[in-house]
């Protein structure tokens, strides 16, 4: 690969990554809280499990309260002692796996 091609590819990839990250944060900051407050239209019409960490700095448990009336089949669990990435080895991956198995069994 020529150096100019590599530089162009790298620049495009970085721009794409920044755009994706910005979109993700809008979802975290606006859409998740709005869904739980009921200020968005009912968007969860399928069985949904939300596992949140008790010490999650990104989506704190207070944002997870009160969403049940705004969605069909919504189950919210706050995991004691956990942070944001529950699936990581030092968090609670077994709870994520268990929750996924139960959710699939309910909908399968």
Protein backbone atom coordinates (compact mmCIF):
# COMPACT_ATOMS: atom_id res chain seq x y z
CA UNK A 1 0.00 0.00 0.00
CA UNK A 2 1.34 3.39 -0.91
CA UNK A 3 1.93 5.83 1.92
CA UNK A 4 -0.59 8.34 0.51
CA UNK A 5 -3.27 5.61 0.30
CA UNK A 6 -2.56 4.52 3.85
CA UNK A 7 -2.82 8.11 5.09
CA UNK A 8 -6.15 8.60 3.29
CA UNK A 9 -7.51 5.34 4.69
CA UNK A 10 -6.37 6.22 8.21
CA UNK A 11 -7.98 9.66 8.04
CA UNK A 12 -11.29 8.21 6.81
CA UNK A 13 -11.26 5.51 9.49
CA UNK A 14 -10.62 8.06 12.24
CA UNK A 15 -13.45 10.29 11.02
CA UNK A 16 -15.80 7.30 10.94
CA UNK A 17 -14.79 6.26 14.45
CA UNK A 18 -15.39 9.77 15.80
CA UNK A 19 -18.83 9.90 14.16
CA UNK A 20 -19.76 6.50 15.58
CA UNK A 21 -18.65 7.50 19.06
CA UNK A 22 -20.62 10.76 18.88
CA UNK A 23 -23.74 8.87 17.79
CA UNK A 24 -23.30 6.34 20.61
CA UNK A 25 -23.04 9.08 23.23
CA UNK A 26 -26.20 10.75 21.97
CA UNK A 27 -27.94 7.42 22.49
CA UNK A 28 -26.55 7.13 26.03
CA UNK A 29 -27.22 10.72 27.02
CA UNK A 30 -30.60 11.27 25.32
CA UNK A 31 -32.34 8.11 24.13
CA UNK A 32 -31.83 5.77 27.09
CA UNK A 33 -33.05 8.29 29.71
CA UNK A 34 -35.96 9.38 27.50
CA UNK A 35 -37.04 5.77 27.08
CA UNK A 36 -37.12 5.21 30.80
CA UNK A 37 -38.90 8.51 31.51
CA UNK A 38 -41.53 7.73 28.91
CA UNK A 39 -40.84 10.90 26.92
CA UNK A 40 -40.15 8.85 23.78
CA UNK A 41 -42.67 6.78 21.99
CA UNK A 42 -42.91 3.17 23.09
CA UNK A 43 -39.90 1.64 21.46
CA UNK A 44 -39.45 -1.64 23.34
CA UNK A 45 -42.19 -3.93 22.05
CA UNK A 46 -40.14 -7.11 22.53
CA UNK A 47 -38.99 -8.76 25.76
CA UNK A 48 -35.97 -6.77 26.91
CA UNK A 49 -33.54 -7.25 29.77
CA UNK A 50 -31.47 -4.32 31.00
CA UNK A 51 -28.67 -5.16 33.40
CA UNK A 52 -27.11 -2.13 35.04
CA UNK A 53 -24.25 -1.90 37.47
CA UNK A 54 -24.84 -0.42 40.90
CA UNK A 55 -21.76 1.78 40.41
CA UNK A 56 -22.13 2.42 36.67
CA UNK A 57 -20.71 5.88 35.90
CA UNK A 58 -22.19 5.94 32.37
CA UNK A 59 -25.76 4.75 32.99
CA UNK A 60 -26.33 5.09 36.73
CA UNK A 61 -29.20 3.11 38.29
CA UNK A 62 -31.28 6.27 38.75
CA UNK A 63 -31.66 6.40 34.94
CA UNK A 64 -33.02 2.85 34.91
CA UNK A 65 -35.92 3.51 37.27
CA UNK A 66 -39.46 3.86 36.04
CA UNK A 67 -39.13 2.43 32.55
CA UNK A 68 -41.39 -0.58 33.04
CA UNK A 69 -44.68 1.23 32.17
CA UNK A 70 -43.11 2.60 28.99
CA UNK A 71 -42.24 -0.71 27.39
CA UNK A 72 -43.74 -4.14 26.97
CA UNK A 73 -41.77 -6.97 28.55
CA UNK A 74 -39.05 -4.81 30.08
CA UNK A 75 -37.07 -6.28 32.97
CA UNK A 76 -34.49 -4.07 34.71
CA UNK A 77 -31.94 -5.47 37.15
CA UNK A 78 -29.32 -3.46 39.00
CA UNK A 79 -26.33 -5.66 39.81
CA UNK A 80 -24.86 -4.95 43.25
CA UNK A 81 -21.21 -3.92 43.27
CA UNK A 82 -20.91 -3.86 39.47
CA UNK A 83 -19.84 -1.04 37.16
CA UNK A 84 -20.51 -0.47 33.45
CA UNK A 85 -19.11 -3.49 31.59
CA UNK A 86 -20.84 -6.38 33.36
CA UNK A 87 -19.69 -8.91 30.76
CA UNK A 88 -16.00 -8.40 31.59
CA UNK A 89 -14.20 -11.12 33.53
CA UNK A 90 -13.83 -9.10 36.75
CA UNK A 91 -17.41 -7.81 36.63
CA UNK A 92 -20.33 -10.28 36.44
CA UNK A 93 -20.20 -12.15 33.12
CA UNK A 94 -22.13 -15.07 34.60
CA UNK A 95 -25.13 -12.78 35.25
CA UNK A 96 -25.03 -11.51 31.68
CA UNK A 97 -24.92 -15.09 30.35
CA UNK A 98 -27.71 -16.22 32.70
CA UNK A 99 -29.89 -13.24 31.76
CA UNK A 100 -29.34 -13.88 28.06
CA UNK A 101 -30.20 -17.59 28.41
CA UNK A 102 -33.44 -16.76 30.25
CA UNK A 103 -34.38 -14.05 27.76
CA UNK A 104 -33.84 -16.39 24.81
CA UNK A 105 -35.82 -19.15 26.54
CA UNK A 106 -38.75 -16.74 27.07
CA UNK A 107 -38.79 -15.59 23.47
CA UNK A 108 -37.75 -18.79 21.68
